[in-house]
Amino acid sequence: MKTYNDNNIKNLLSLIEKYGKKSMDNLIWRGEKISINKNEVIQSVNLLLDLKVIQEKEEMIGDGWNSRDKCVYYELAQ
């Protein structure tokens, strides 16, 4: 059984809530600024997805003509 740090999960949730939506790269970058390592950010996001606290949303970030790149964002579940 894996144990999670409650404060780190609360910090990640507050980041998502404060800014509306965040990508995984941005969560990892901001998590490292508040001393949460990369693996813990990834595992905490997966836990929050399993518990349906946050949801994954895919948006097209390209212009649709020259590039059709997509990015995955995480936001609070409705």
PDB file of N, CA and C in Angstrom:
ATOM      1  N   MET A   1       0.837  -1.176   0.000  1.00  0.00           N
ATOM      2  CA  MET A   1       0.000   0.000   0.000  1.00  0.00           C
ATOM      3  C   MET A   1       0.888   1.247   0.000  1.00  0.00           C
ATOM      4  N   LYS A   2       0.586   2.169  -0.863  1.00  0.00           N
ATOM      5  CA  LYS A   2       1.356   3.403  -1.004  1.00  0.00           C
ATOM      6  C   LYS A   2       0.777   4.470  -0.090  1.00  0.00           C
ATOM      7  N   THR A   3       1.646   5.212   0.556  1.00  0.00           N
ATOM      8  CA  THR A   3       1.193   6.330   1.377  1.00  0.00           C
ATOM      9  C   THR A   3       1.464   7.629   0.642  1.00  0.00           C
ATOM     10  N   TYR A   4       0.595   8.578   0.826  1.00  0.00           N
ATOM     11  CA  TYR A   4       0.694   9.876   0.162  1.00  0.00           C
ATOM     12  C   TYR A   4       0.800  10.965   1.217  1.00  0.00           C
ATOM     13  N   ASN A   5       1.468  12.039   0.863  1.00  0.00           N
ATOM     14  CA  ASN A   5       1.588  13.183   1.746  1.00  0.00           C
ATOM     15  C   ASN A   5       0.379  14.090   1.514  1.00  0.00           C
ATOM     16  N   ASP A   6      -0.453  14.241   2.531  1.00  0.00           N
ATOM     17  CA  ASP A   6      -1.677  15.033   2.403  1.00  0.00           C
ATOM     18  C   ASP A   6      -1.396  16.481   2.026  1.00  0.00           C
ATOM     19  N   ASN A   7      -0.366  17.062   2.600  1.00  0.00           N
ATOM     20  CA  ASN A   7      -0.052  18.461   2.302  1.00  0.00           C
ATOM     21  C   ASN A   7       0.331  18.658   0.850  1.00  0.00           C
ATOM     22  N   ASN A   8       1.057  17.706   0.279  1.00  0.00           N
ATOM     23  CA  ASN A   8       1.432  17.819  -1.134  1.00  0.00           C
ATOM     24  C   ASN A   8       0.207  17.727  -2.037  1.00  0.00           C
ATOM     25  N   ILE A   9      -0.716  16.842  -1.700  1.00  0.00           N
ATOM     26  CA  ILE A   9      -1.940  16.715  -2.497  1.00  0.00           C
ATOM     27  C   ILE A   9      -2.767  17.992  -2.383  1.00  0.00           C
ATOM     28  N   LYS A  10      -2.856  18.543  -1.183  1.00  0.00           N
ATOM     29  CA  LYS A  10      -3.594  19.796  -0.989  1.00  0.00           C
ATOM     30  C   LYS A  10      -2.946  20.932  -1.766  1.00  0.00           C
ATOM     31  N   ASN A  11      -1.618  20.976  -1.791  1.00  0.00           N
ATOM     32  CA  ASN A  11      -0.918  22.014  -2.547  1.00  0.00           C
ATOM     33  C   ASN A  11      -1.170  21.886  -4.043  1.00  0.00           C
ATOM     34  N   LEU A  12      -1.157  20.662  -4.556  1.00  0.00           N
ATOM     35  CA  LEU A  12      -1.433  20.453  -5.982  1.00  0.00           C
ATOM     36  C   LEU A  12      -2.870  20.842  -6.319  1.00  0.00           C
ATOM     37  N   LEU A  13      -3.809  20.480  -5.453  1.00  0.00           N
ATOM     38  CA  LEU A  13      -5.198  20.851  -5.685  1.00  0.00           C
ATOM     39  C   LEU A  13      -5.388  22.363  -5.656  1.00  0.00           C
ATOM     40  N   SER A  14      -4.695  23.027  -4.755  1.00  0.00           N
ATOM     41  CA  SER A  14      -4.827  24.486  -4.700  1.00  0.00           C
ATOM     42  C   SER A  14      -4.231  25.142  -5.941  1.00  0.00           C
ATOM     43  N   LEU A  15      -3.164  24.566  -6.492  1.00  0.00           N
ATOM     44  CA  LEU A  15      -2.603  25.093  -7.747  1.00  0.00           C
ATOM     45  C   LEU A  15      -3.605  24.959  -8.891  1.00  0.00           C
ATOM     46  N   ILE A  16      -4.241  23.800  -8.975  1.00  0.00           N
ATOM     47  CA  ILE A  16      -5.220  23.573 -10.049  1.00  0.00           C
ATOM     48  C   ILE A  16      -6.423  24.482  -9.848  1.00  0.00           C
ATOM     49  N   GLU A  17      -6.865  24.616  -8.604  1.00  0.00           N
ATOM     50  CA  GLU A  17      -8.033  25.446  -8.319  1.00  0.00           C
ATOM     51  C   GLU A  17      -7.738  26.929  -8.582  1.00  0.00           C
ATOM     52  N   LYS A  18      -6.561  27.371  -8.218  1.00  0.00           N
ATOM     53  CA  LYS A  18      -6.200  28.785  -8.354  1.00  0.00           C
ATOM     54  C   LYS A  18      -6.124  29.222  -9.812  1.00  0.00           C
ATOM     55  N   TYR A  19      -5.538  28.382 -10.652  1.00  0.00           N
ATOM     56  CA  TYR A  19      -5.319  28.765 -12.042  1.00  0.00           C
ATOM     57  C   TYR A  19      -6.318  28.143 -13.009  1.00  0.00           C
ATOM     58  N   GLY A  20      -7.245  27.339 -12.533  1.00  0.00           N
ATOM     59  CA  GLY A  20      -8.274  26.774 -13.397  1.00  0.00           C
ATOM     60  C   GLY A  20      -7.882  25.460 -14.031  1.00  0.00           C
ATOM     61  N   LYS A  21      -6.792  25.455 -14.760  1.00  0.00           N
ATOM     62  CA  LYS A  21      -6.322  24.224 -15.384  1.00  0.00           C
ATOM     63  C   LYS A  21      -4.809  24.272 -15.495  1.00  0.00           C
ATOM     64  N   LYS A  22      -4.198  23.112 -15.426  1.00  0.00           N
ATOM     65  CA  LYS A  22      -2.741  23.012 -15.481  1.00  0.00           C
ATOM     66  C   LYS A  22      -2.350  21.776 -16.269  1.00  0.00           C
ATOM     67  N   SER A  23      -1.248  21.881 -16.983  1.00  0.00           N
ATOM     68  CA  SER A  23      -0.686  20.714 -17.662  1.00  0.00           C
ATOM     69  C   SER A  23       0.218  19.963 -16.685  1.00  0.00           C
ATOM     70  N   MET A  24       0.554  18.738 -17.021  1.00  0.00           N
ATOM     71  CA  MET A  24       1.405  17.936 -16.152  1.00  0.00           C
ATOM     72  C   MET A  24       2.782  18.572 -16.016  1.00  0.00           C
ATOM     73  N   ASP A  25       3.329  19.077 -17.113  1.00  0.00           N
ATOM     74  CA  ASP A  25       4.645  19.729 -17.048  1.00  0.00           C
ATOM     75  C   ASP A  25       4.622  20.928 -16.104  1.00  0.00           C
ATOM     76  N   ASN A  26       3.555  21.698 -16.161  1.00  0.00           N
ATOM     77  CA  ASN A  26       3.455  22.864 -15.304  1.00  0.00           C
ATOM     78  C   ASN A  26       3.301  22.455 -13.846  1.00  0.00           C
ATOM     79  N   LEU A  27       2.529  21.402 -13.578  1.00  0.00           N
ATOM     80  CA  LEU A  27       2.380  20.922 -12.206  1.00  0.00           C
ATOM     81  C   LEU A  27       3.706  20.417 -11.652  1.00  0.00           C
ATOM     82  N   ILE A  28       4.480  19.724 -12.482  1.00  0.00           N
ATOM     83  CA  ILE A  28       5.784  19.227 -12.042  1.00  0.00           C
ATOM     84  C   ILE A  28       6.714  20.402 -11.753  1.00  0.00           C
ATOM     85  N   TRP A  29       6.728  21.397 -12.634  1.00  0.00           N
ATOM     86  CA  TRP A  29       7.594  22.563 -12.456  1.00  0.00           C
ATOM     87  C   TRP A  29       7.221  23.324 -11.185  1.00  0.00           C
ATOM     88  N   ARG A  30       5.928  23.578 -10.995  1.00  0.00           N
ATOM     89  CA  ARG A  30       5.489  24.296  -9.804  1.00  0.00           C
ATOM     90  C   ARG A  30       5.655  23.449  -8.545  1.00  0.00           C
ATOM     91  N   GLY A  31       5.479  22.139  -8.679  1.00  0.00           N
ATOM     92  CA  GLY A  31       5.673  21.249  -7.534  1.00  0.00           C
ATOM     93  C   GLY A  31       7.108  21.246  -7.054  1.00  0.00           C
ATOM     94  N   GLU A  32       8.048  21.268  -7.980  1.00  0.00           N
ATOM     95  CA  GLU A  32       9.459  21.302  -7.599  1.00  0.00           C
ATOM     96  C   GLU A  32       9.810  22.614  -6.908  1.00  0.00           C
ATOM     97  N   LYS A  33       9.096  23.693  -7.241  1.00  0.00           N
ATOM     98  CA  LYS A  33       9.343  24.970  -6.573  1.00  0.00           C
ATOM     99  C   LYS A  33       8.916  24.943  -5.104  1.00  0.00           C
ATOM    100  N   ILE A  34       7.929  24.106  -4.791  1.00  0.00           N
ATOM    101  CA  ILE A  34       7.477  23.988  -3.400  1.00  0.00           C
ATOM    102  C   ILE A  34       7.920  22.650  -2.803  1.00  0.00           C
ATOM    103  N   SER A  35       9.016  22.129  -3.332  1.00  0.00           N
ATOM    104  CA  SER A  35       9.711  20.911  -2.866  1.00  0.00           C
ATOM    105  C   SER A  35       8.855  19.649  -2.866  1.00  0.00           C
ATOM    106  N   ILE A  36       8.157  19.428  -3.975  1.00  0.00           N
ATOM    107  CA  ILE A  36       7.474  18.159  -4.223  1.00  0.00           C
ATOM    108  C   ILE A  36       8.178  17.548  -5.432  1.00  0.00           C
ATOM    109  N   ASN A  37       8.724  16.342  -5.293  1.00  0.00           N
ATOM    110  CA  ASN A  37       9.480  15.777  -6.406  1.00  0.00           C
ATOM    111  C   ASN A  37       8.556  15.300  -7.531  1.00  0.00           C
ATOM    112  N   LYS A  38       9.149  15.063  -8.678  1.00  0.00           N
ATOM    113  CA  LYS A  38       8.413  14.744  -9.899  1.00  0.00           C
ATOM    114  C   LYS A  38       7.559  13.486  -9.743  1.00  0.00           C
ATOM    115  N   ASN A  39       8.125  12.424  -9.170  1.00  0.00           N
ATOM    116  CA  ASN A  39       7.385  11.170  -9.029  1.00  0.00           C
ATOM    117  C   ASN A  39       6.162  11.333  -8.134  1.00  0.00           C
ATOM    118  N   GLU A  40       6.303  12.112  -7.075  1.00  0.00           N
ATOM    119  CA  GLU A  40       5.171  12.309  -6.180  1.00  0.00           C
ATOM    120  C   GLU A  40       4.064  13.124  -6.840  1.00  0.00           C
ATOM    121  N   VAL A  41       4.438  14.094  -7.677  1.00  0.00           N
ATOM    122  CA  VAL A  41       3.432  14.859  -8.414  1.00  0.00           C
ATOM    123  C   VAL A  41       2.654  13.936  -9.345  1.00  0.00           C
ATOM    124  N   ILE A  42       3.360  13.091 -10.077  1.00  0.00           N
ATOM    125  CA  ILE A  42       2.714  12.183 -11.023  1.00  0.00           C
ATOM    126  C   ILE A  42       1.800  11.204 -10.298  1.00  0.00           C
ATOM    127  N   GLN A  43       2.282  10.622  -9.202  1.00  0.00           N
ATOM    128  CA  GLN A  43       1.465   9.667  -8.450  1.00  0.00           C
ATOM    129  C   GLN A  43       0.266  10.342  -7.798  1.00  0.00           C
ATOM    130  N   SER A  44       0.436  11.558  -7.325  1.00  0.00           N
ATOM    131  CA  SER A  44      -0.679  12.274  -6.705  1.00  0.00           C
ATOM    132  C   SER A  44      -1.739  12.636  -7.740  1.00  0.00           C
ATOM    133  N   VAL A  45      -1.318  13.051  -8.924  1.00  0.00           N
ATOM    134  CA  VAL A  45      -2.276  13.365  -9.987  1.00  0.00           C
ATOM    135  C   VAL A  45      -3.029  12.101 -10.388  1.00  0.00           C
ATOM    136  N   ASN A  46      -2.341  10.976 -10.494  1.00  0.00           N
ATOM    137  CA  ASN A  46      -3.015   9.717 -10.827  1.00  0.00           C
ATOM    138  C   ASN A  46      -4.021   9.322  -9.751  1.00  0.00           C
ATOM    139  N   LEU A  47      -3.670   9.530  -8.483  1.00  0.00           N
ATOM    140  CA  LEU A  47      -4.597   9.243  -7.395  1.00  0.00           C
ATOM    141  C   LEU A  47      -5.826  10.136  -7.486  1.00  0.00           C
ATOM    142  N   LEU A  48      -5.624  11.419  -7.725  1.00  0.00           N
ATOM    143  CA  LEU A  48      -6.747  12.347  -7.833  1.00  0.00           C
ATOM    144  C   LEU A  48      -7.629  12.029  -9.030  1.00  0.00           C
ATOM    145  N   LEU A  49      -7.029  11.537 -10.105  1.00  0.00           N
ATOM    146  CA  LEU A  49      -7.825  11.103 -11.259  1.00  0.00           C
ATOM    147  C   LEU A  49      -8.654   9.865 -10.910  1.00  0.00           C
ATOM    148  N   ASP A  50      -8.056   8.912 -10.204  1.00  0.00           N
ATOM    149  CA  ASP A  50      -8.781   7.708  -9.798  1.00  0.00           C
ATOM    150  C   ASP A  50      -9.937   8.028  -8.864  1.00  0.00           C
ATOM    151  N   LEU A  51      -9.736   9.001  -7.985  1.00  0.00           N
ATOM    152  CA  LEU A  51     -10.782   9.402  -7.038  1.00  0.00           C
ATOM    153  C   LEU A  51     -11.805  10.349  -7.665  1.00  0.00           C
ATOM    154  N   LYS A  52     -11.579  10.729  -8.916  1.00  0.00           N
ATOM    155  CA  LYS A  52     -12.449  11.630  -9.677  1.00  0.00           C
ATOM    156  C   LYS A  52     -12.582  13.004  -9.030  1.00  0.00           C
ATOM    157  N   VAL A  53     -11.492  13.456  -8.433  1.00  0.00           N
ATOM    158  CA  VAL A  53     -11.441  14.812  -7.877  1.00  0.00           C
ATOM    159  C   VAL A  53     -11.075  15.794  -8.985  1.00  0.00           C
ATOM    160  N   ILE A  54     -10.186  15.357  -9.875  1.00  0.00           N
ATOM    161  CA  ILE A  54      -9.822  16.166 -11.038  1.00  0.00           C
ATOM    162  C   ILE A  54     -10.151  15.371 -12.290  1.00  0.00           C
ATOM    163  N   GLN A  55     -10.216  16.058 -13.399  1.00  0.00           N
ATOM    164  CA  GLN A  55     -10.466  15.383 -14.670  1.00  0.00           C
ATOM    165  C   GLN A  55      -9.438  15.829 -15.699  1.00  0.00           C
ATOM    166  N   GLU A  56      -9.260  14.980 -16.677  1.00  0.00           N
ATOM    167  CA  GLU A  56      -8.299  15.234 -17.741  1.00  0.00           C
ATOM    168  C   GLU A  56      -9.045  15.836 -18.921  1.00  0.00           C
ATOM    169  N   LYS A  57      -8.486  16.882 -19.491  1.00  0.00           N
ATOM    170  CA  LYS A  57      -9.110  17.539 -20.627  1.00  0.00           C
ATOM    171  C   LYS A  57      -8.058  17.759 -21.701  1.00  0.00           C
ATOM    172  N   GLU A  58      -8.389  17.403 -22.920  1.00  0.00           N
ATOM    173  CA  GLU A  58      -7.454  17.556 -24.035  1.00  0.00           C
ATOM    174  C   GLU A  58      -7.910  18.712 -24.909  1.00  0.00           C
ATOM    175  N   GLU A  59      -6.995  19.643 -25.172  1.00  0.00           N
ATOM    176  CA  GLU A  59      -7.301  20.802 -26.001  1.00  0.00           C
ATOM    177  C   GLU A  59      -6.275  20.940 -27.112  1.00  0.00           C
ATOM    178  N   MET A  60      -6.739  21.424 -28.242  1.00  0.00           N
ATOM    179  CA  MET A  60      -5.830  21.664 -29.348  1.00  0.00           C
ATOM    180  C   MET A  60      -5.129  22.993 -29.106  1.00  0.00           C
ATOM    181  N   ILE A  61      -3.800  22.985 -29.141  1.00  0.00           N
ATOM    182  CA  ILE A  61      -3.042  24.206 -28.912  1.00  0.00           C
ATOM    183  C   ILE A  61      -2.441  24.752 -30.203  1.00  0.00           C
ATOM    184  N   GLY A  62      -2.527  23.992 -31.275  1.00  0.00           N
ATOM    185  CA  GLY A  62      -2.021  24.463 -32.558  1.00  0.00           C
ATOM    186  C   GLY A  62      -3.021  25.390 -33.218  1.00  0.00           C
ATOM    187  N   ASP A  63      -2.625  25.962 -34.334  1.00  0.00           N
ATOM    188  CA  ASP A  63      -3.516  26.884 -35.024  1.00  0.00           C
ATOM    189  C   ASP A  63      -4.499  26.164 -35.950  1.00  0.00           C
ATOM    190  N   GLY A  64      -4.357  24.858 -36.088  1.00  0.00           N
ATOM    191  CA  GLY A  64      -5.277  24.102 -36.924  1.00  0.00           C
ATOM    192  C   GLY A  64      -4.886  24.074 -38.386  1.00  0.00           C
ATOM    193  N   TRP A  65      -4.001  24.949 -38.775  1.00  0.00           N
ATOM    194  CA  TRP A  65      -3.575  25.007 -40.160  1.00  0.00           C
ATOM    195  C   TRP A  65      -2.157  24.466 -40.297  1.00  0.00           C
ATOM    196  N   ASN A  66      -1.225  25.036 -39.584  1.00  0.00           N
ATOM    197  CA  ASN A  66       0.163  24.597 -39.658  1.00  0.00           C
ATOM    198  C   ASN A  66       0.483  23.498 -38.655  1.00  0.00           C
ATOM    199  N   SER A  67      -0.177  23.524 -37.525  1.00  0.00           N
ATOM    200  CA  SER A  67       0.076  22.506 -36.514  1.00  0.00           C
ATOM    201  C   SER A  67      -1.233  22.133 -35.837  1.00  0.00           C
ATOM    202  N   ARG A  68      -1.317  20.884 -35.476  1.00  0.00           N
ATOM    203  CA  ARG A  68      -2.514  20.376 -34.800  1.00  0.00           C
ATOM    204  C   ARG A  68      -2.116  19.679 -33.512  1.00  0.00           C
ATOM    205  N   ASP A  69      -1.262  20.338 -32.766  1.00  0.00           N
ATOM    206  CA  ASP A  69      -0.796  19.774 -31.499  1.00  0.00           C
ATOM    207  C   ASP A  69      -1.908  19.820 -30.463  1.00  0.00           C
ATOM    208  N   LYS A  70      -1.855  18.856 -29.571  1.00  0.00           N
ATOM    209  CA  LYS A  70      -2.832  18.799 -28.485  1.00  0.00           C
ATOM    210  C   LYS A  70      -2.092  18.738 -27.166  1.00  0.00           C
ATOM    211  N   CYS A  71      -2.709  19.290 -26.136  1.00  0.00           N
ATOM    212  CA  CYS A  71      -2.133  19.294 -24.803  1.00  0.00           C
ATOM    213  C   CYS A  71      -3.185  18.781 -23.838  1.00  0.00           C
ATOM    214  N   VAL A  72      -2.733  18.023 -22.840  1.00  0.00           N
ATOM    215  CA  VAL A  72      -3.624  17.485 -21.812  1.00  0.00           C
ATOM    216  C   VAL A  72      -3.546  18.391 -20.597  1.00  0.00           C
ATOM    217  N   TYR A  73      -4.701  18.853 -20.145  1.00  0.00           N
ATOM    218  CA  TYR A  73      -4.812  19.698 -18.971  1.00  0.00           C
ATOM    219  C   TYR A  73      -5.565  18.961 -17.879  1.00  0.00           C
ATOM    220  N   TYR A  74      -5.324  19.349 -16.652  1.00  0.00           N
ATOM    221  CA  TYR A  74      -6.043  18.803 -15.509  1.00  0.00           C
ATOM    222  C   TYR A  74      -6.807  19.929 -14.846  1.00  0.00           C
ATOM    223  N   GLU A  75      -8.081  19.677 -14.550  1.00  0.00           N
ATOM    224  CA  GLU A  75      -8.923  20.662 -13.899  1.00  0.00           C
ATOM    225  C   GLU A  75      -9.803  19.954 -12.876  1.00  0.00           C
ATOM    226  N   LEU A  76     -10.399  20.727 -11.984  1.00  0.00           N
ATOM    227  CA  LEU A  76     -11.272  20.140 -10.984  1.00  0.00           C
ATOM    228  C   LEU A  76     -12.491  19.541 -11.661  1.00  0.00           C
ATOM    229  N   ALA A  77     -12.936  18.401 -11.146  1.00  0.00           N
ATOM    230  CA  ALA A  77     -14.102  17.731 -11.711  1.00  0.00           C
ATOM    231  C   ALA A  77     -15.357  18.536 -11.417  1.00  0.00           C
ATOM    232  N   GLN A  78     -16.302  18.444 -12.291  1.00  0.00           N
ATOM    233  CA  GLN A  78     -17.557  19.193 -12.132  1.00  0.00           C
ATOM    234  C   GLN A  78     -18.515  18.465 -11.228  1.00  0.00           C
TER     235      GLN A  78
END
